[in-house]
C-alpha atoms as a PDB file:
ATOM      1  CA  MET A   1     -85.498 -90.597 -65.446  1.00  0.00           C
ATOM      2  CA  ILE A   2     -83.207 -87.582 -65.034  1.00  0.00           C
ATOM      3  CA  ASP A   3     -80.720 -86.516 -67.693  1.00  0.00           C
ATOM      4  CA  SER A   4     -77.634 -87.219 -65.557  1.00  0.00           C
ATOM      5  CA  ASP A   5     -78.778 -90.844 -65.111  1.00  0.00           C
ATOM      6  CA  ILE A   6     -79.306 -91.194 -68.861  1.00  0.00           C
ATOM      7  CA  LEU A   7     -75.884 -89.713 -69.611  1.00  0.00           C
ATOM      8  CA  LEU A   8     -74.207 -92.042 -67.087  1.00  0.00           C
ATOM      9  CA  ARG A   9     -75.850 -95.075 -68.712  1.00  0.00           C
ATOM     10  CA  LEU A  10     -74.792 -93.963 -72.187  1.00  0.00           C
ATOM     11  CA  PHE A  11     -71.240 -93.134 -71.107  1.00  0.00           C
ATOM     12  CA  LEU A  12     -70.787 -96.506 -69.387  1.00  0.00           C
ATOM     13  CA  ALA A  13     -72.205 -98.354 -72.406  1.00  0.00           C
ATOM     14  CA  LEU A  14     -69.733 -96.542 -74.646  1.00  0.00           C
ATOM     15  CA  LEU A  15     -66.922 -97.385 -72.221  1.00  0.00           C
ATOM     16  CA  PHE A  16     -67.826-101.089 -71.865  1.00  0.00           C
ATOM     17  CA  GLY A  17     -68.183-101.507 -75.643  1.00  0.00           C
ATOM     18  CA  GLY A  18     -64.881 -99.716 -76.193  1.00  0.00           C
ATOM     19  CA  VAL A  19     -63.099-101.994 -73.722  1.00  0.00           C
ATOM     20  CA  ILE A  20     -64.338-105.062 -75.597  1.00  0.00           C
ATOM     21  CA  GLY A  21     -63.273-103.384 -78.832  1.00  0.00           C
ATOM     22  CA  PHE A  22     -59.721-102.864 -77.561  1.00  0.00           C
ATOM     23  CA  GLU A  23     -59.395-106.623 -77.038  1.00  0.00           C
ATOM     24  CA  ARG A  24     -60.635-107.211 -80.599  1.00  0.00           C
ATOM     25  CA  ARG A  25     -58.265-104.607 -82.069  1.00  0.00           C
ATOM     26  CA  TRP A  26     -55.378-106.149 -80.110  1.00  0.00           C
ATOM     27  CA  ARG A  27     -56.047-109.367 -82.035  1.00  0.00           C
ATOM     28  CA  GLY A  28     -56.152-107.519 -85.360  1.00  0.00           C
ATOM     29  CA  HIS A  29     -59.898-107.553 -85.978  1.00  0.00           C
ATOM     30  CA  VAL A  30     -61.533-104.694 -87.832  1.00  0.00           C
ATOM     31  CA  ALA A  31     -64.361-104.058 -85.366  1.00  0.00           C
ATOM     32  CA  GLY A  32     -62.369-102.349 -82.639  1.00  0.00           C
ATOM     33  CA  PRO A  33     -63.114 -99.838 -79.877  1.00  0.00           C
ATOM     34  CA  HIS A  34     -64.808 -97.324 -82.150  1.00  0.00           C
ATOM     35  CA  THR A  35     -67.252 -99.825 -83.652  1.00  0.00           C
ATOM     36  CA  ASP A  36     -67.948-101.778 -80.475  1.00  0.00           C
ATOM     37  CA  GLY A  37     -68.277 -98.602 -78.409  1.00  0.00           C
ATOM     38  CA  MET A  38     -70.834 -97.167 -80.811  1.00  0.00           C
ATOM     39  CA  VAL A  39     -72.802-100.424 -80.987  1.00  0.00           C
ATOM     40  CA  ALA A  40     -73.063-100.535 -77.181  1.00  0.00           C
ATOM     41  CA  PHE A  41     -73.888 -96.820 -77.049  1.00  0.00           C
ATOM     42  CA  GLY A  42     -76.624 -97.174 -79.669  1.00  0.00           C
ATOM     43  CA  ALA A  43     -78.155-100.187 -77.960  1.00  0.00           C
ATOM     44  CA  ALA A  44     -78.174 -98.353 -74.618  1.00  0.00           C
ATOM     45  CA  LEU A  45     -79.692 -95.286 -76.232  1.00  0.00           C
ATOM     46  CA  PHE A  46     -82.565 -97.285 -77.701  1.00  0.00           C
ATOM     47  CA  VAL A  47     -83.184 -99.080 -74.405  1.00  0.00           C
ATOM     48  CA  VAL A  48     -83.228 -95.795 -72.484  1.00  0.00           C
ATOM     49  CA  ALA A  49     -85.644 -94.373 -75.053  1.00  0.00           C
ATOM     50  CA  GLY A  50     -87.856 -97.434 -74.553  1.00  0.00           C
ATOM     51  CA  GLN A  51     -87.822 -96.901 -70.796  1.00  0.00           C
ATOM     52  CA  VAL A  52     -88.779 -93.265 -71.227  1.00  0.00           C
ATOM     53  CA  LEU A  53     -91.755 -94.380 -73.320  1.00  0.00           C
ATOM     54  CA  GLY A  54     -92.918 -96.491 -70.392  1.00  0.00           C
ATOM     55  CA  GLY A  55     -95.209 -99.482 -70.476  1.00  0.00           C
ATOM     56  CA  ASP A  56     -93.734-102.370 -72.426  1.00  0.00           C
ATOM     57  CA  GLY A  57     -91.589 -99.971 -74.499  1.00  0.00           C
ATOM     58  CA  ALA A  58     -88.276-101.199 -73.073  1.00  0.00           C
ATOM     59  CA  ALA A  59     -89.092-104.855 -73.689  1.00  0.00           C
ATOM     60  CA  ARG A  60     -90.154-104.145 -77.250  1.00  0.00           C
ATOM     61  CA  VAL A  61     -87.035-102.086 -77.903  1.00  0.00           C
ATOM     62  CA  LEU A  62     -84.798-104.849 -76.493  1.00  0.00           C
ATOM     63  CA  ALA A  63     -86.322-107.318 -78.940  1.00  0.00           C
ATOM     64  CA  GLN A  64     -85.766-104.924 -81.845  1.00  0.00           C
ATOM     65  CA  VAL A  65     -82.161-104.222 -80.796  1.00  0.00           C
ATOM     66  CA  ALA A  66     -81.401-107.955 -80.800  1.00  0.00           C
ATOM     67  CA  THR A  67     -82.927-108.343 -84.257  1.00  0.00           C
ATOM     68  CA  GLY A  68     -81.346-105.221 -85.712  1.00  0.00           C
ATOM     69  CA  ILE A  69     -77.892-106.082 -84.431  1.00  0.00           C
ATOM     70  CA  GLY A  70     -78.260-109.508 -86.016  1.00  0.00           C
ATOM     71  CA  PHE A  71     -78.513-107.805 -89.404  1.00  0.00           C
ATOM     72  CA  LEU A  72     -75.580-105.516 -88.652  1.00  0.00           C
ATOM     73  CA  ALA A  73     -73.436-108.418 -87.463  1.00  0.00           C
ATOM     74  CA  GLY A  74     -74.434-110.467 -90.507  1.00  0.00           C
ATOM     75  CA  GLY A  75     -72.741-107.851 -92.665  1.00  0.00           C
ATOM     76  CA  VAL A  76     -69.297-108.705 -91.290  1.00  0.00           C
ATOM     77  CA  ILE A  77     -69.508-112.409 -92.175  1.00  0.00           C
ATOM     78  CA  LEU A  78     -67.671-113.132 -95.415  1.00  0.00           C
ATOM     79  CA  ARG A  79     -66.992-116.231 -97.476  1.00  0.00           C
ATOM     80  CA  ASP A  80     -63.365-116.602 -98.549  1.00  0.00           C
ATOM     81  CA  GLY A  81     -63.112-119.725-100.698  1.00  0.00           C
ATOM     82  CA  PHE A  82     -63.901-122.627 -98.384  1.00  0.00           C
ATOM     83  CA  ARG A  83     -63.413-120.479 -95.297  1.00  0.00           C
ATOM     84  CA  ILE A  84     -65.961-118.347 -93.504  1.00  0.00           C
ATOM     85  CA  ARG A  85     -64.555-115.215 -91.886  1.00  0.00           C
ATOM     86  CA  GLY A  86     -66.082-112.808 -89.401  1.00  0.00           C
ATOM     87  CA  LEU A  87     -68.235-115.183 -87.373  1.00  0.00           C
ATOM     88  CA  ASN A  88     -66.550-114.291 -84.099  1.00  0.00           C
ATOM     89  CA  THR A  89     -66.654-110.590 -84.925  1.00  0.00           C
ATOM     90  CA  ALA A  90     -70.381-110.895 -85.610  1.00  0.00           C
ATOM     91  CA  ALA A  91     -70.956-112.783 -82.354  1.00  0.00           C
ATOM     92  CA  THR A  92     -68.916-110.203 -80.448  1.00  0.00           C
ATOM     93  CA  ILE A  93     -70.929-107.339 -81.955  1.00  0.00           C
ATOM     94  CA  TRP A  94     -74.095-109.110 -80.822  1.00  0.00           C
ATOM     95  CA  CYS A  95     -72.666-109.478 -77.297  1.00  0.00           C
ATOM     96  CA  VAL A  96     -71.594-105.820 -77.281  1.00  0.00           C
ATOM     97  CA  ALA A  97     -75.172-104.793 -78.099  1.00  0.00           C
ATOM     98  CA  ALA A  98     -76.368-106.937 -75.194  1.00  0.00           C
ATOM     99  CA  VAL A  99     -73.847-105.227 -72.886  1.00  0.00           C
ATOM    100  CA  GLY A 100     -75.129-101.862 -74.088  1.00  0.00           C
ATOM    101  CA  SER A 101     -78.718-102.953 -73.515  1.00  0.00           C
ATOM    102  CA  ILE A 102     -77.988-104.142 -69.972  1.00  0.00           C
ATOM    103  CA  THR A 103     -76.173-100.861 -69.282  1.00  0.00           C
ATOM    104  CA  GLY A 104     -79.116 -98.923 -70.694  1.00  0.00           C
ATOM    105  CA  LEU A 105     -81.332-100.706 -68.177  1.00  0.00           C
ATOM    106  CA  GLY A 106     -79.089 -99.354 -65.406  1.00  0.00           C
ATOM    107  CA  ARG A 107     -77.517-102.682 -64.418  1.00  0.00           C
ATOM    108  CA  PHE A 108     -73.933-101.351 -64.329  1.00  0.00           C
ATOM    109  CA  LEU A 109     -72.253-104.072 -62.270  1.00  0.00           C
ATOM    110  CA  LEU A 110     -73.855-106.824 -64.345  1.00  0.00           C
ATOM    111  CA  ALA A 111     -72.795-105.055 -67.556  1.00  0.00           C
ATOM    112  CA  ALA A 112     -69.208-104.754 -66.275  1.00  0.00           C
ATOM    113  CA  GLU A 113     -69.145-108.449 -65.372  1.00  0.00           C
ATOM    114  CA  ILE A 114     -70.534-109.433 -68.775  1.00  0.00           C
ATOM    115  CA  THR A 115     -67.910-107.203 -70.436  1.00  0.00           C
ATOM    116  CA  LEU A 116     -65.194-109.144 -68.630  1.00  0.00           C
ATOM    117  CA  MET A 117     -66.831-112.439 -69.588  1.00  0.00           C
ATOM    118  CA  VAL A 118     -66.847-111.459 -73.277  1.00  0.00           C
ATOM    119  CA  ILE A 119     -63.165-110.486 -73.137  1.00  0.00           C
ATOM    120  CA  VAL A 120     -62.170-113.624 -71.233  1.00  0.00           C
ATOM    121  CA  GLY A 121     -64.313-115.802 -73.495  1.00  0.00           C
ATOM    122  CA  ASN A 122     -62.779-114.353 -76.650  1.00  0.00           C
ATOM    123  CA  SER A 123     -59.255-114.634 -75.235  1.00  0.00           C
ATOM    124  CA  VAL A 124     -59.518-118.140 -73.756  1.00  0.00           C
ATOM    125  CA  PHE A 125     -61.345-119.667 -76.701  1.00  0.00           C
ATOM    126  CA  HIS A 126     -58.978-117.957 -79.162  1.00  0.00           C
ATOM    127  CA  TRP A 127     -56.033-119.480 -77.314  1.00  0.00           C
ATOM    128  CA  LEU A 128     -57.693-122.927 -77.222  1.00  0.00           C
ATOM    129  CA  GLU A 129     -58.541-122.845 -80.926  1.00  0.00           C
ATOM    130  CA  HIS A 130     -54.947-122.112 -81.844  1.00  0.00           C
ATOM    131  CA  ARG A 131     -53.660-124.869 -79.548  1.00  0.00           C
ATOM    132  CA  ILE A 132     -56.033-127.332 -81.219  1.00  0.00           C
ATOM    133  CA  GLU A 133     -54.758-126.259 -84.659  1.00  0.00           C
ATOM    134  CA  LEU A 134     -51.178-126.827 -83.544  1.00  0.00           C
ATOM    135  CA  VAL A 135     -51.958-130.249 -82.097  1.00  0.00           C
ATOM    136  CA  ARG A 136     -53.936-131.403 -85.117  1.00  0.00           C
ATOM    137  CA  LYS A 137     -51.494-129.674 -87.495  1.00  0.00           C
ATOM    138  CA  LEU A 138     -54.290-128.117 -89.488  1.00  0.00           C
ATOM    139  CA  PRO A 139     -53.100-126.268 -92.589  1.00  0.00           C
ATOM    140  CA  GLU A 140     -53.111-122.481 -92.283  1.00  0.00           C
ATOM    141  CA  ASP A 141     -54.586-121.954 -95.731  1.00  0.00           C
ATOM    142  CA  ILE A 142     -56.558-124.347 -97.871  1.00  0.00           C
ATOM    143  CA  ASP A 143     -55.774-124.115-101.572  1.00  0.00           C
ATOM    144  CA  ASP A 144     -59.245-123.805-103.045  1.00  0.00           C
ATOM    145  CA  THR A 145     -58.075-122.936-106.559  1.00  0.00           C
ATOM    146  CA  GLU A 146     -58.026-126.565-107.662  1.00  0.00           C
ATOM    147  CA  PRO A 147     -60.835-129.059-107.102  1.00  0.00           C
ATOM    148  CA  GLN A 148     -60.073-131.622-104.455  1.00  0.00           C
ATOM    149  CA  LYS A 149     -59.739-135.218-105.691  1.00  0.00           C
ATOM    150  CA  MET A 150     -61.813-137.849-103.975  1.00  0.00           C
ATOM    151  CA  LYS A 151     -60.047-140.910-102.619  1.00  0.00           C
ATOM    152  CA  ASP A 152     -61.560-144.317-103.264  1.00  0.00           C
END
């Protein structure tokens, strides 16, 4: 693999991750273009390194990227009283690593399409979740300072 091909793969991974990150930042999430771009870049870099090793190196690296990103993404999940925060951010980071991995394999069109799917998925499901909350009139915040009384 020539250096210009490697650099193109890494640049596109950084770009695709950054694009996903801009959608996240637009919605006020902490993991924005910088974080998502670097996650995709790192995943692509490891995949390219695995390909350079040859043999089953790329497949083994892909498995390790998926596992390692799981630990990274797990760090953004927080418990806030009865609420769990960061699940979507963690899932998005995992998807960004997959986009970076696909880009590292040289599948640029597929990576671009998956990038769009992640953005559309986050946007559409975000919109649907908020419509459901409005319809069901779910409370914005649950007061978890006092124990809830059981009804008979």
